[in-house]
Amino acid sequence: MFPHNDMITSRDNPTVKHLRKLLDSKKERNAAGAFVLEGKRLVLDAFNSKADIDRVFITCAAMGKLGDELGDIISNCNVTVISDEIGTHISDTENTQGIFAECRIPAGMDKMPRLKSKGRYVVLSKLRDPGNAGMVIRTADALGLDGVILSESCDVYNPKTVRATMGAIFRVPVYHDIMTDDIFEGIAAAGLSSLAAVVDKDAMDIRNYDLSGGAAIFIGNEANGLDQDVKDRCTHRITIRMQGNAESLNAAMASGILMWELVR
């Protein structure tokens, strides 16, 4: 077991209200410089990745189930026990595991980085679905990409996005809220190709493009694809040549195929 503060039982508790605001609002997350993790897997991944965790919250039921398993890992962290009812209240999932953590947003990830020569990146431009964004980040981690860059897309610290990454958000560099101009400047400075992923019979089949020098692949909005301006600024347009009758693929699925081609 581990040391903890007195149990929180009221929804009116300022800490409970703070957690709900972090879960509900990007503005609040940005103002506080923090976001919320929920579930044993994410909390353990955060600790194992040495993320900056302010405090852990655990319900009475979860403490009984997970206390021994988590005790050594979070023994040096500020732990607050909350009632099972409060756990359900602040949960963003249908069936909560009853463990949460307030984690600091890493500094500097909202600035365009210096990209690697021969680096392999995926750029999400106006991607709106948190689940798709999280899946892309998870796949990028699995395939060993050098980074994921989000421009005018959903909030990477939205609880749905964080859950969909399955902990990959702590293992792969994710740059968010980056201006399109800055992205193209960074790509040019690194000597990389910029590839617009499109549904277009005249675009180059991704399998035929030489990716040995690295590249940044742009993935667009789920409904409308990439803006014309972005497509025009990219060095090439690439596509996934399909054999069946489907006209297009889900953004996360298409990203996975393109990232696989980028690294293989």
Foldseek 3Di string as FASTA:
>chain_A
DADADDEAEDCPPPVLVLLLCLQPDPVSCVVVQKHKAFDDQQVVLCLVLVFAWQEKEFEPVLCVVCVVVCCVSCRVHHYHYYHPVSQCVSDPDPDGSGMMIITGNDPPLQEDDQAAFLAAEEEEEAAEDLLLLLLLLLLCQVLVGQEYEYANYHDCRNNNNSVNVSSSPSVHRYRYHYHPVSVLVSCVVSVAFEEFEDLDPPFAELLPDDLRRYHYYYFYYQPPTDDPVSNVSGPGYYYHDDDDDDSDDGRSVRSSVNSVSNRD
